[in-house]
Amino acid sequence: MLDMFTQRRIVALMNGYVHEKVPAELRTMVKLTYEMQENELILTEERPAGQRYQWERMPIARFYWEGDQWKVFASDDQHSWSPADMVVPCSDFEDVLEQVERDDSGVFWRERD
């Protein structure tokens, strides 16, 4: 399990990341959210659903702390997780988040219907 200092550091990093990733003028059409529980963080994109005030959630990436390193998984169209082999596991969360952000292969930041 991650220590409290590391958890708080990641929360502060993610709060800044989701705030900066989506420009203010687009936040009524798309937003990024995340959930952190014990050794896992799931990054999600949300868009307005058919019903008023409802948002459809689409998982983007799952970060999992195991064996002193972060491993990253990508979501497929059925919302199941597969290892993201293009992301090199490492002990620095910021490094794996940067690899997901770059997404040279288009696994995380793809066009969504």
PDB file of N, CA and C in Angstrom:
ATOM      1  N   MET A   1       0.842  -1.188   0.000  1.00  0.00           N
ATOM      2  CA  MET A   1       0.000   0.000   0.000  1.00  0.00           C
ATOM      3  C   MET A   1       0.879   1.242   0.000  1.00  0.00           C
ATOM      4  N   LEU A   2       0.421   2.266  -0.671  1.00  0.00           N
ATOM      5  CA  LEU A   2       1.171   3.518  -0.745  1.00  0.00           C
ATOM      6  C   LEU A   2       1.088   4.278   0.566  1.00  0.00           C
ATOM      7  N   ASP A   3       2.185   4.928   0.944  1.00  0.00           N
ATOM      8  CA  ASP A   3       2.178   5.728   2.167  1.00  0.00           C
ATOM      9  C   ASP A   3       1.377   7.010   1.937  1.00  0.00           C
ATOM     10  N   MET A   4       0.966   7.647   3.009  1.00  0.00           N
ATOM     11  CA  MET A   4       0.099   8.825   2.951  1.00  0.00           C
ATOM     12  C   MET A   4       0.761   9.980   2.194  1.00  0.00           C
ATOM     13  N   PHE A   5       2.050  10.180   2.376  1.00  0.00           N
ATOM     14  CA  PHE A   5       2.754  11.253   1.679  1.00  0.00           C
ATOM     15  C   PHE A   5       2.671  11.051   0.169  1.00  0.00           C
ATOM     16  N   THR A   6       2.928   9.828  -0.295  1.00  0.00           N
ATOM     17  CA  THR A   6       2.876   9.526  -1.731  1.00  0.00           C
ATOM     18  C   THR A   6       1.467   9.699  -2.262  1.00  0.00           C
ATOM     19  N   GLN A   7       0.470   9.255  -1.511  1.00  0.00           N
ATOM     20  CA  GLN A   7      -0.917   9.418  -1.940  1.00  0.00           C
ATOM     21  C   GLN A   7      -1.264  10.891  -2.108  1.00  0.00           C
ATOM     22  N   ARG A   8      -0.881  11.707  -1.152  1.00  0.00           N
ATOM     23  CA  ARG A   8      -1.181  13.144  -1.232  1.00  0.00           C
ATOM     24  C   ARG A   8      -0.447  13.808  -2.384  1.00  0.00           C
ATOM     25  N   ARG A   9       0.780  13.389  -2.619  1.00  0.00           N
ATOM     26  CA  ARG A   9       1.555  13.919  -3.745  1.00  0.00           C
ATOM     27  C   ARG A   9       0.867  13.590  -5.077  1.00  0.00           C
ATOM     28  N   ILE A  10       0.391  12.370  -5.209  1.00  0.00           N
ATOM     29  CA  ILE A  10      -0.281  11.953  -6.444  1.00  0.00           C
ATOM     30  C   ILE A  10      -1.605  12.690  -6.622  1.00  0.00           C
ATOM     31  N   VAL A  11      -2.355  12.855  -5.548  1.00  0.00           N
ATOM     32  CA  VAL A  11      -3.616  13.597  -5.618  1.00  0.00           C
ATOM     33  C   VAL A  11      -3.353  15.037  -6.063  1.00  0.00           C
ATOM     34  N   ALA A  12      -2.341  15.684  -5.503  1.00  0.00           N
ATOM     35  CA  ALA A  12      -2.014  17.057  -5.904  1.00  0.00           C
ATOM     36  C   ALA A  12      -1.596  17.101  -7.375  1.00  0.00           C
ATOM     37  N   LEU A  13      -0.802  16.150  -7.795  1.00  0.00           N
ATOM     38  CA  LEU A  13      -0.378  16.074  -9.194  1.00  0.00           C
ATOM     39  C   LEU A  13      -1.567  15.875 -10.119  1.00  0.00           C
ATOM     40  N   MET A  14      -2.451  14.953  -9.771  1.00  0.00           N
ATOM     41  CA  MET A  14      -3.612  14.659 -10.608  1.00  0.00           C
ATOM     42  C   MET A  14      -4.597  15.820 -10.644  1.00  0.00           C
ATOM     43  N   ASN A  15      -4.790  16.498  -9.518  1.00  0.00           N
ATOM     44  CA  ASN A  15      -5.686  17.664  -9.511  1.00  0.00           C
ATOM     45  C   ASN A  15      -5.193  18.722 -10.486  1.00  0.00           C
ATOM     46  N   GLY A  16      -3.903  18.973 -10.492  1.00  0.00           N
ATOM     47  CA  GLY A  16      -3.331  19.921 -11.439  1.00  0.00           C
ATOM     48  C   GLY A  16      -3.429  19.420 -12.870  1.00  0.00           C
ATOM     49  N   TYR A  17      -3.191  18.142 -13.065  1.00  0.00           N
ATOM     50  CA  TYR A  17      -3.232  17.555 -14.409  1.00  0.00           C
ATOM     51  C   TYR A  17      -4.616  17.657 -15.027  1.00  0.00           C
ATOM     52  N   VAL A  18      -5.658  17.219 -14.308  1.00  0.00           N
ATOM     53  CA  VAL A  18      -7.005  17.241 -14.882  1.00  0.00           C
ATOM     54  C   VAL A  18      -7.491  18.673 -15.089  1.00  0.00           C
ATOM     55  N   HIS A  19      -7.022  19.601 -14.255  1.00  0.00           N
ATOM     56  CA  HIS A  19      -7.403  21.009 -14.417  1.00  0.00           C
ATOM     57  C   HIS A  19      -6.781  21.597 -15.682  1.00  0.00           C
ATOM     58  N   GLU A  20      -5.521  21.263 -15.947  1.00  0.00           N
ATOM     59  CA  GLU A  20      -4.808  21.823 -17.092  1.00  0.00           C
ATOM     60  C   GLU A  20      -5.108  21.102 -18.405  1.00  0.00           C
ATOM     61  N   LYS A  21      -5.461  19.843 -18.349  1.00  0.00           N
ATOM     62  CA  LYS A  21      -5.640  19.038 -19.563  1.00  0.00           C
ATOM     63  C   LYS A  21      -6.819  19.525 -20.407  1.00  0.00           C
ATOM     64  N   VAL A  22      -7.923  19.867 -19.768  1.00  0.00           N
ATOM     65  CA  VAL A  22      -9.110  20.306 -20.496  1.00  0.00           C
ATOM     66  C   VAL A  22      -9.270  21.816 -20.317  1.00  0.00           C
ATOM     67  N   PRO A  23      -9.218  22.574 -21.419  1.00  0.00           N
ATOM     68  CA  PRO A  23      -9.386  24.036 -21.310  1.00  0.00           C
ATOM     69  C   PRO A  23     -10.748  24.393 -20.705  1.00  0.00           C
ATOM     70  N   ALA A  24     -10.797  25.487 -19.991  1.00  0.00           N
ATOM     71  CA  ALA A  24     -12.008  25.907 -19.279  1.00  0.00           C
ATOM     72  C   ALA A  24     -13.227  25.992 -20.192  1.00  0.00           C
ATOM     73  N   GLU A  25     -13.041  26.471 -21.417  1.00  0.00           N
ATOM     74  CA  GLU A  25     -14.184  26.629 -22.318  1.00  0.00           C
ATOM     75  C   GLU A  25     -14.758  25.300 -22.804  1.00  0.00           C
ATOM     76  N   LEU A  26     -14.047  24.193 -22.605  1.00  0.00           N
ATOM     77  CA  LEU A  26     -14.547  22.879 -23.031  1.00  0.00           C
ATOM     78  C   LEU A  26     -15.089  22.029 -21.880  1.00  0.00           C
ATOM     79  N   ARG A  27     -15.015  22.511 -20.664  1.00  0.00           N
ATOM     80  CA  ARG A  27     -15.370  21.692 -19.497  1.00  0.00           C
ATOM     81  C   ARG A  27     -16.851  21.364 -19.377  1.00  0.00           C
ATOM     82  N   THR A  28     -17.700  22.004 -20.162  1.00  0.00           N
ATOM     83  CA  THR A  28     -19.110  21.607 -20.172  1.00  0.00           C
ATOM     84  C   THR A  28     -19.344  20.452 -21.150  1.00  0.00           C
ATOM     85  N   MET A  29     -18.329  20.161 -21.990  1.00  0.00           N
ATOM     86  CA  MET A  29     -18.453  19.090 -22.976  1.00  0.00           C
ATOM     87  C   MET A  29     -17.608  17.863 -22.646  1.00  0.00           C
ATOM     88  N   VAL A  30     -16.551  18.052 -21.880  1.00  0.00           N
ATOM     89  CA  VAL A  30     -15.672  16.936 -21.523  1.00  0.00           C
ATOM     90  C   VAL A  30     -14.932  17.290 -20.233  1.00  0.00           C
ATOM     91  N   LYS A  31     -14.724  16.285 -19.417  1.00  0.00           N
ATOM     92  CA  LYS A  31     -13.915  16.498 -18.218  1.00  0.00           C
ATOM     93  C   LYS A  31     -13.154  15.217 -17.909  1.00  0.00           C
ATOM     94  N   LEU A  32     -12.049  15.390 -17.239  1.00  0.00           N
ATOM     95  CA  LEU A  32     -11.266  14.251 -16.776  1.00  0.00           C
ATOM     96  C   LEU A  32     -11.465  14.121 -15.278  1.00  0.00           C
ATOM     97  N   THR A  33     -11.600  12.908 -14.829  1.00  0.00           N
ATOM     98  CA  THR A  33     -11.711  12.626 -13.405  1.00  0.00           C
ATOM     99  C   THR A  33     -10.804  11.445 -13.090  1.00  0.00           C
ATOM    100  N   TYR A  34     -10.604  11.208 -11.831  1.00  0.00           N
ATOM    101  CA  TYR A  34      -9.820  10.049 -11.425  1.00  0.00           C
ATOM    102  C   TYR A  34     -10.326   9.559 -10.085  1.00  0.00           C
ATOM    103  N   GLU A  35     -10.087   8.294  -9.841  1.00  0.00           N
ATOM    104  CA  GLU A  35     -10.396   7.688  -8.546  1.00  0.00           C
ATOM    105  C   GLU A  35      -9.151   6.984  -8.065  1.00  0.00           C
ATOM    106  N   MET A  36      -8.797   7.230  -6.813  1.00  0.00           N
ATOM    107  CA  MET A  36      -7.623   6.590  -6.241  1.00  0.00           C
ATOM    108  C   MET A  36      -8.049   5.773  -5.041  1.00  0.00           C
ATOM    109  N   GLN A  37      -7.670   4.493  -5.063  1.00  0.00           N
ATOM    110  CA  GLN A  37      -7.955   3.596  -3.954  1.00  0.00           C
ATOM    111  C   GLN A  37      -6.725   2.736  -3.711  1.00  0.00           C
ATOM    112  N   GLU A  38      -6.216   2.783  -2.508  1.00  0.00           N
ATOM    113  CA  GLU A  38      -5.055   2.003  -2.089  1.00  0.00           C
ATOM    114  C   GLU A  38      -3.923   2.064  -3.106  1.00  0.00           C
ATOM    115  N   ASN A  39      -3.715   1.020  -3.900  1.00  0.00           N
ATOM    116  CA  ASN A  39      -2.577   0.943  -4.822  1.00  0.00           C
ATOM    117  C   ASN A  39      -2.970   1.182  -6.274  1.00  0.00           C
ATOM    118  N   GLU A  40      -4.082   1.863  -6.490  1.00  0.00           N
ATOM    119  CA  GLU A  40      -4.610   1.978  -7.840  1.00  0.00           C
ATOM    120  C   GLU A  40      -5.193   3.363  -8.078  1.00  0.00           C
ATOM    121  N   LEU A  41      -4.996   3.853  -9.307  1.00  0.00           N
ATOM    122  CA  LEU A  41      -5.620   5.093  -9.729  1.00  0.00           C
ATOM    123  C   LEU A  41      -6.197   4.851 -11.118  1.00  0.00           C
ATOM    124  N   ILE A  42      -7.457   5.223 -11.313  1.00  0.00           N
ATOM    125  CA  ILE A  42      -8.108   5.075 -12.606  1.00  0.00           C
ATOM    126  C   ILE A  42      -8.454   6.463 -13.139  1.00  0.00           C
ATOM    127  N   LEU A  43      -7.932   6.759 -14.334  1.00  0.00           N
ATOM    128  CA  LEU A  43      -8.184   8.017 -15.020  1.00  0.00           C
ATOM    129  C   LEU A  43      -9.353   7.810 -15.976  1.00  0.00           C
ATOM    130  N   THR A  44     -10.331   8.711 -15.920  1.00  0.00           N
ATOM    131  CA  THR A  44     -11.564   8.561 -16.686  1.00  0.00           C
ATOM    132  C   THR A  44     -11.901   9.851 -17.419  1.00  0.00           C
ATOM    133  N   GLU A  45     -12.451   9.698 -18.604  1.00  0.00           N
ATOM    134  CA  GLU A  45     -12.987  10.833 -19.361  1.00  0.00           C
ATOM    135  C   GLU A  45     -14.498  10.797 -19.217  1.00  0.00           C
ATOM    136  N   GLU A  46     -15.104  11.946 -19.014  1.00  0.00           N
ATOM    137  CA  GLU A  46     -16.560  12.017 -18.911  1.00  0.00           C
ATOM    138  C   GLU A  46     -17.092  13.011 -19.942  1.00  0.00           C
ATOM    139  N   ARG A  47     -18.216  12.620 -20.541  1.00  0.00           N
ATOM    140  CA  ARG A  47     -18.904  13.477 -21.514  1.00  0.00           C
ATOM    141  C   ARG A  47     -20.397  13.462 -21.183  1.00  0.00           C
ATOM    142  N   PRO A  48     -21.113  14.524 -21.550  1.00  0.00           N
ATOM    143  CA  PRO A  48     -22.551  14.544 -21.264  1.00  0.00           C
ATOM    144  C   PRO A  48     -23.259  13.344 -21.901  1.00  0.00           C
ATOM    145  N   ALA A  49     -24.142  12.743 -21.138  1.00  0.00           N
ATOM    146  CA  ALA A  49     -24.934  11.607 -21.632  1.00  0.00           C
ATOM    147  C   ALA A  49     -26.254  12.138 -22.190  1.00  0.00           C
ATOM    148  N   GLY A  50     -27.094  11.238 -22.652  1.00  0.00           N
ATOM    149  CA  GLY A  50     -28.376  11.625 -23.232  1.00  0.00           C
ATOM    150  C   GLY A  50     -29.279  12.351 -22.253  1.00  0.00           C
ATOM    151  N   GLN A  51     -29.240  11.959 -20.985  1.00  0.00           N
ATOM    152  CA  GLN A  51     -30.105  12.593 -19.993  1.00  0.00           C
ATOM    153  C   GLN A  51     -29.432  13.843 -19.427  1.00  0.00           C
ATOM    154  N   ARG A  52     -30.233  14.804 -19.122  1.00  0.00           N
ATOM    155  CA  ARG A  52     -29.733  16.056 -18.585  1.00  0.00           C
ATOM    156  C   ARG A  52     -29.017  15.830 -17.252  1.00  0.00           C
ATOM    157  N   TYR A  53     -27.891  16.490 -17.076  1.00  0.00           N
ATOM    158  CA  TYR A  53     -27.074  16.438 -15.863  1.00  0.00           C
ATOM    159  C   TYR A  53     -26.437  15.072 -15.614  1.00  0.00           C
ATOM    160  N   GLN A  54     -26.439  14.216 -16.610  1.00  0.00           N
ATOM    161  CA  GLN A  54     -25.788  12.914 -16.486  1.00  0.00           C
ATOM    162  C   GLN A  54     -24.518  12.919 -17.345  1.00  0.00           C
ATOM    163  N   TRP A  55     -23.495  12.220 -16.872  1.00  0.00           N
ATOM    164  CA  TRP A  55     -22.232  12.125 -17.590  1.00  0.00           C
ATOM    165  C   TRP A  55     -21.928  10.656 -17.858  1.00  0.00           C
ATOM    166  N   GLU A  56     -21.457  10.384 -19.074  1.00  0.00           N
ATOM    167  CA  GLU A  56     -21.025   9.038 -19.433  1.00  0.00           C
ATOM    168  C   GLU A  56     -19.532   8.930 -19.129  1.00  0.00           C
ATOM    169  N   ARG A  57     -19.162   7.882 -18.414  1.00  0.00           N
ATOM    170  CA  ARG A  57     -17.770   7.685 -18.012  1.00  0.00           C
ATOM    171  C   ARG A  57     -17.096   6.680 -18.933  1.00  0.00           C
ATOM    172  N   MET A  58     -15.909   7.044 -19.409  1.00  0.00           N
ATOM    173  CA  MET A  58     -15.122   6.159 -20.259  1.00  0.00           C
ATOM    174  C   MET A  58     -13.720   6.035 -19.661  1.00  0.00           C
ATOM    175  N   PRO A  59     -13.377   4.868 -19.140  1.00  0.00           N
ATOM    176  CA  PRO A  59     -12.050   4.712 -18.539  1.00  0.00           C
ATOM    177  C   PRO A  59     -10.946   4.881 -19.583  1.00  0.00           C
ATOM    178  N   ILE A  60      -9.875   5.541 -19.185  1.00  0.00           N
ATOM    179  CA  ILE A  60      -8.744   5.788 -20.079  1.00  0.00           C
ATOM    180  C   ILE A  60      -7.552   4.929 -19.692  1.00  0.00           C
ATOM    181  N   ALA A  61      -7.143   5.035 -18.423  1.00  0.00           N
ATOM    182  CA  ALA A  61      -5.942   4.325 -17.981  1.00  0.00           C
ATOM    183  C   ALA A  61      -6.091   3.895 -16.528  1.00  0.00           C
ATOM    184  N   ARG A  62      -5.473   2.772 -16.232  1.00  0.00           N
ATOM    185  CA  ARG A  62      -5.419   2.265 -14.861  1.00  0.00           C
ATOM    186  C   ARG A  62      -3.951   2.185 -14.463  1.00  0.00           C
ATOM    187  N   PHE A  63      -3.601   2.888 -13.397  1.00  0.00           N
ATOM    188  CA  PHE A  63      -2.249   2.888 -12.860  1.00  0.00           C
ATOM    189  C   PHE A  63      -2.269   2.002 -11.616  1.00  0.00           C
ATOM    190  N   TYR A  64      -1.396   1.004 -11.574  1.00  0.00           N
ATOM    191  CA  TYR A  64      -1.418   0.066 -10.458  1.00  0.00           C
ATOM    192  C   TYR A  64      -0.019  -0.080  -9.865  1.00  0.00           C
ATOM    193  N   TRP A  65       0.096   0.154  -8.563  1.00  0.00           N
ATOM    194  CA  TRP A  65       1.365   0.058  -7.848  1.00  0.00           C
ATOM    195  C   TRP A  65       1.576  -1.390  -7.418  1.00  0.00           C
ATOM    196  N   GLU A  66       2.624  -2.003  -7.932  1.00  0.00           N
ATOM    197  CA  GLU A  66       2.897  -3.405  -7.609  1.00  0.00           C
ATOM    198  C   GLU A  66       4.399  -3.643  -7.697  1.00  0.00           C
ATOM    199  N   GLY A  67       4.941  -4.257  -6.655  1.00  0.00           N
ATOM    200  CA  GLY A  67       6.360  -4.587  -6.665  1.00  0.00           C
ATOM    201  C   GLY A  67       7.273  -3.384  -6.787  1.00  0.00           C
ATOM    202  N   ASP A  68       6.931  -2.299  -6.111  1.00  0.00           N
ATOM    203  CA  ASP A  68       7.723  -1.068  -6.110  1.00  0.00           C
ATOM    204  C   ASP A  68       7.780  -0.354  -7.455  1.00  0.00           C
ATOM    205  N   GLN A  69       6.761  -0.549  -8.279  1.00  0.00           N
ATOM    206  CA  GLN A  69       6.691   0.193  -9.535  1.00  0.00           C
ATOM    207  C   GLN A  69       5.243   0.347  -9.986  1.00  0.00           C
ATOM    208  N   TRP A  70       5.022   1.368 -10.791  1.00  0.00           N
ATOM    209  CA  TRP A  70       3.713   1.614 -11.371  1.00  0.00           C
ATOM    210  C   TRP A  70       3.602   0.861 -12.683  1.00  0.00           C
ATOM    211  N   LYS A  71       2.513   0.132 -12.830  1.00  0.00           N
ATOM    212  CA  LYS A  71       2.198  -0.546 -14.081  1.00  0.00           C
ATOM    213  C   LYS A  71       0.941   0.114 -14.631  1.00  0.00           C
ATOM    214  N   VAL A  72       0.859   0.204 -15.947  1.00  0.00           N
ATOM    215  CA  VAL A  72      -0.257   0.908 -16.567  1.00  0.00           C
ATOM    216  C   VAL A  72      -1.037  -0.047 -17.461  1.00  0.00           C
ATOM    217  N   PHE A  73      -2.350   0.085 -17.396  1.00  0.00           N
ATOM    218  CA  PHE A  73      -3.261  -0.731 -18.191  1.00  0.00           C
ATOM    219  C   PHE A  73      -4.155   0.203 -19.000  1.00  0.00           C
ATOM    220  N   ALA A  74      -4.531  -0.239 -20.195  1.00  0.00           N
ATOM    221  CA  ALA A  74      -5.408   0.539 -21.068  1.00  0.00           C
ATOM    222  C   ALA A  74      -6.777  -0.119 -21.123  1.00  0.00           C
ATOM    223  N   SER A  75      -7.796   0.699 -21.307  1.00  0.00           N
ATOM    224  CA  SER A  75      -9.160   0.205 -21.416  1.00  0.00           C
ATOM    225  C   SER A  75      -9.501  -0.044 -22.880  1.00  0.00           C
ATOM    226  N   ASP A  76     -10.211  -1.145 -23.114  1.00  0.00           N
ATOM    227  CA  ASP A  76     -10.683  -1.393 -24.477  1.00  0.00           C
ATOM    228  C   ASP A  76     -12.139  -0.963 -24.584  1.00  0.00           C
ATOM    229  N   ASP A  77     -12.753  -1.219 -25.713  1.00  0.00           N
ATOM    230  CA  ASP A  77     -14.135  -0.779 -25.930  1.00  0.00           C
ATOM    231  C   ASP A  77     -15.140  -1.456 -25.006  1.00  0.00           C
ATOM    232  N   GLN A  78     -14.780  -2.596 -24.432  1.00  0.00           N
ATOM    233  CA  GLN A  78     -15.668  -3.300 -23.503  1.00  0.00           C
ATOM    234  C   GLN A  78     -15.365  -2.928 -22.047  1.00  0.00           C
ATOM    235  N   HIS A  79     -14.510  -1.912 -21.854  1.00  0.00           N
ATOM    236  CA  HIS A  79     -14.129  -1.423 -20.530  1.00  0.00           C
ATOM    237  C   HIS A  79     -13.422  -2.480 -19.691  1.00  0.00           C
ATOM    238  N   SER A  80     -12.644  -3.342 -20.334  1.00  0.00           N
ATOM    239  CA  SER A  80     -11.790  -4.255 -19.587  1.00  0.00           C
ATOM    240  C   SER A  80     -10.348  -3.775 -19.754  1.00  0.00           C
ATOM    241  N   TRP A  81      -9.474  -4.192 -18.854  1.00  0.00           N
ATOM    242  CA  TRP A  81      -8.117  -3.677 -18.807  1.00  0.00           C
ATOM    243  C   TRP A  81      -7.133  -4.652 -19.424  1.00  0.00           C
ATOM    244  N   SER A  82      -6.214  -4.095 -20.209  1.00  0.00           N
ATOM    245  CA  SER A  82      -5.122  -4.861 -20.803  1.00  0.00           C
ATOM    246  C   SER A  82      -3.815  -4.142 -20.479  1.00  0.00           C
ATOM    247  N   PRO A  83      -2.733  -4.894 -20.254  1.00  0.00           N
ATOM    248  CA  PRO A  83      -1.448  -4.225 -19.985  1.00  0.00           C
ATOM    249  C   PRO A  83      -1.072  -3.297 -21.139  1.00  0.00           C
ATOM    250  N   ALA A  84      -0.622  -2.120 -20.808  1.00  0.00           N
ATOM    251  CA  ALA A  84      -0.172  -1.146 -21.806  1.00  0.00           C
ATOM    252  C   ALA A  84       1.339  -1.334 -21.956  1.00  0.00           C
ATOM    253  N   ASP A  85       1.716  -2.223 -22.847  1.00  0.00           N
ATOM    254  CA  ASP A  85       3.120  -2.606 -22.998  1.00  0.00           C
ATOM    255  C   ASP A  85       4.014  -1.459 -23.443  1.00  0.00           C
ATOM    256  N   MET A  86       3.437  -0.432 -24.070  1.00  0.00           N
ATOM    257  CA  MET A  86       4.238   0.691 -24.540  1.00  0.00           C
ATOM    258  C   MET A  86       4.655   1.620 -23.399  1.00  0.00           C
ATOM    259  N   VAL A  87       4.055   1.466 -22.224  1.00  0.00           N
ATOM    260  CA  VAL A  87       4.413   2.275 -21.059  1.00  0.00           C
ATOM    261  C   VAL A  87       5.366   1.462 -20.197  1.00  0.00           C
ATOM    262  N   VAL A  88       6.556   1.981 -20.010  1.00  0.00           N
ATOM    263  CA  VAL A  88       7.576   1.286 -19.232  1.00  0.00           C
ATOM    264  C   VAL A  88       7.271   1.462 -17.744  1.00  0.00           C
ATOM    265  N   PRO A  89       7.045   0.348 -17.018  1.00  0.00           N
ATOM    266  CA  PRO A  89       6.785   0.464 -15.580  1.00  0.00           C
ATOM    267  C   PRO A  89       7.968   1.118 -14.868  1.00  0.00           C
ATOM    268  N   CYS A  90       7.666   1.945 -13.882  1.00  0.00           N
ATOM    269  CA  CYS A  90       8.733   2.548 -13.081  1.00  0.00           C
ATOM    270  C   CYS A  90       8.171   2.988 -11.730  1.00  0.00           C
ATOM    271  N   SER A  91       9.060   3.394 -10.854  1.00  0.00           N
ATOM    272  CA  SER A  91       8.650   3.753  -9.496  1.00  0.00           C
ATOM    273  C   SER A  91       8.104   5.174  -9.392  1.00  0.00           C
ATOM    274  N   ASP A  92       8.292   5.989 -10.418  1.00  0.00           N
ATOM    275  CA  ASP A  92       7.868   7.391 -10.397  1.00  0.00           C
ATOM    276  C   ASP A  92       6.517   7.541 -11.110  1.00  0.00           C
ATOM    277  N   PHE A  93       5.477   7.866 -10.346  1.00  0.00           N
ATOM    278  CA  PHE A  93       4.141   8.021 -10.925  1.00  0.00           C
ATOM    279  C   PHE A  93       4.125   9.081 -12.019  1.00  0.00           C
ATOM    280  N   GLU A  94       4.812  10.181 -11.783  1.00  0.00           N
ATOM    281  CA  GLU A  94       4.829  11.270 -12.757  1.00  0.00           C
ATOM    282  C   GLU A  94       5.389  10.799 -14.099  1.00  0.00           C
ATOM    283  N   ASP A  95       6.361   9.920 -14.068  1.00  0.00           N
ATOM    284  CA  ASP A  95       6.944   9.392 -15.305  1.00  0.00           C
ATOM    285  C   ASP A  95       5.933   8.568 -16.096  1.00  0.00           C
ATOM    286  N   VAL A  96       5.194   7.679 -15.430  1.00  0.00           N
ATOM    287  CA  VAL A  96       4.212   6.869 -16.174  1.00  0.00           C
ATOM    288  C   VAL A  96       3.035   7.724 -16.639  1.00  0.00           C
ATOM    289  N   LEU A  97       2.651   8.740 -15.871  1.00  0.00           N
ATOM    290  CA  LEU A  97       1.600   9.656 -16.315  1.00  0.00           C
ATOM    291  C   LEU A  97       2.048  10.398 -17.572  1.00  0.00           C
ATOM    292  N   GLU A  98       3.301  10.814 -17.619  1.00  0.00           N
ATOM    293  CA  GLU A  98       3.841  11.488 -18.800  1.00  0.00           C
ATOM    294  C   GLU A  98       3.828  10.562 -20.008  1.00  0.00           C
ATOM    295  N   GLN A  99       4.140   9.285 -19.811  1.00  0.00           N
ATOM    296  CA  GLN A  99       4.099   8.327 -20.919  1.00  0.00           C
ATOM    297  C   GLN A  99       2.661   8.174 -21.446  1.00  0.00           C
ATOM    298  N   VAL A 100       1.687   8.144 -20.542  1.00  0.00           N
ATOM    299  CA  VAL A 100       0.281   8.065 -20.959  1.00  0.00           C
ATOM    300  C   VAL A 100      -0.105   9.350 -21.696  1.00  0.00           C
ATOM    301  N   GLU A 101       0.327  10.484 -21.204  1.00  0.00           N
ATOM    302  CA  GLU A 101       0.016  11.766 -21.840  1.00  0.00           C
ATOM    303  C   GLU A 101       0.573  11.826 -23.260  1.00  0.00           C
ATOM    304  N   ARG A 102       1.803  11.370 -23.470  1.00  0.00           N
ATOM    305  CA  ARG A 102       2.411  11.375 -24.814  1.00  0.00           C
ATOM    306  C   ARG A 102       1.671  10.424 -25.741  1.00  0.00           C
ATOM    307  N   ASP A 103       1.338   9.244 -25.279  1.00  0.00           N
ATOM    308  CA  ASP A 103       0.537   8.246 -26.008  1.00  0.00           C
ATOM    309  C   ASP A 103       0.861   8.181 -27.497  1.00  0.00           C
ATOM    310  N   ASP A 104       2.094   7.861 -27.816  1.00  0.00           N
ATOM    311  CA  ASP A 104       2.531   7.782 -29.211  1.00  0.00           C
ATOM    312  C   ASP A 104       1.758   6.743 -30.023  1.00  0.00           C
ATOM    313  N   SER A 105       1.176   5.747 -29.360  1.00  0.00           N
ATOM    314  CA  SER A 105       0.482   4.665 -30.071  1.00  0.00           C
ATOM    315  C   SER A 105      -1.023   4.904 -30.216  1.00  0.00           C
ATOM    316  N   GLY A 106      -1.580   5.912 -29.547  1.00  0.00           N
ATOM    317  CA  GLY A 106      -3.014   6.197 -29.649  1.00  0.00           C
ATOM    318  C   GLY A 106      -3.899   5.253 -28.862  1.00  0.00           C
ATOM    319  N   VAL A 107      -3.349   4.598 -27.872  1.00  0.00           N
ATOM    320  CA  VAL A 107      -4.119   3.642 -27.066  1.00  0.00           C
ATOM    321  C   VAL A 107      -5.004   4.353 -26.053  1.00  0.00           C
ATOM    322  N   PHE A 108      -4.525   5.431 -25.463  1.00  0.00           N
ATOM    323  CA  PHE A 108      -5.260   6.104 -24.393  1.00  0.00           C
ATOM    324  C   PHE A 108      -6.135   7.246 -24.916  1.00  0.00           C
ATOM    325  N   TRP A 109      -5.587   8.079 -25.763  1.00  0.00           N
ATOM    326  CA  TRP A 109      -6.284   9.282 -26.226  1.00  0.00           C
ATOM    327  C   TRP A 109      -6.765   9.063 -27.660  1.00  0.00           C
ATOM    328  N   ARG A 110      -7.755   8.228 -27.804  1.00  0.00           N
ATOM    329  CA  ARG A 110      -8.299   7.946 -29.143  1.00  0.00           C
ATOM    330  C   ARG A 110      -9.633   8.643 -29.303  1.00  0.00           C
ATOM    331  N   GLU A 111     -10.071   8.744 -30.545  1.00  0.00           N
ATOM    332  CA  GLU A 111     -11.376   9.340 -30.815  1.00  0.00           C
ATOM    333  C   GLU A 111     -12.454   8.476 -30.192  1.00  0.00           C
ATOM    334  N   ARG A 112     -13.375   9.104 -29.533  1.00  0.00           N
ATOM    335  CA  ARG A 112     -14.489   8.389 -28.896  1.00  0.00           C
ATOM    336  C   ARG A 112     -15.793   8.883 -29.510  1.00  0.00           C
ATOM    337  N   ASP A 113     -16.724   7.967 -29.685  1.00  0.00           N
ATOM    338  CA  ASP A 113     -18.019   8.333 -30.270  1.00  0.00           C
ATOM    339  C   ASP A 113     -18.861   9.109 -29.292  1.00  0.00           C
TER     340      ASP A 113
END
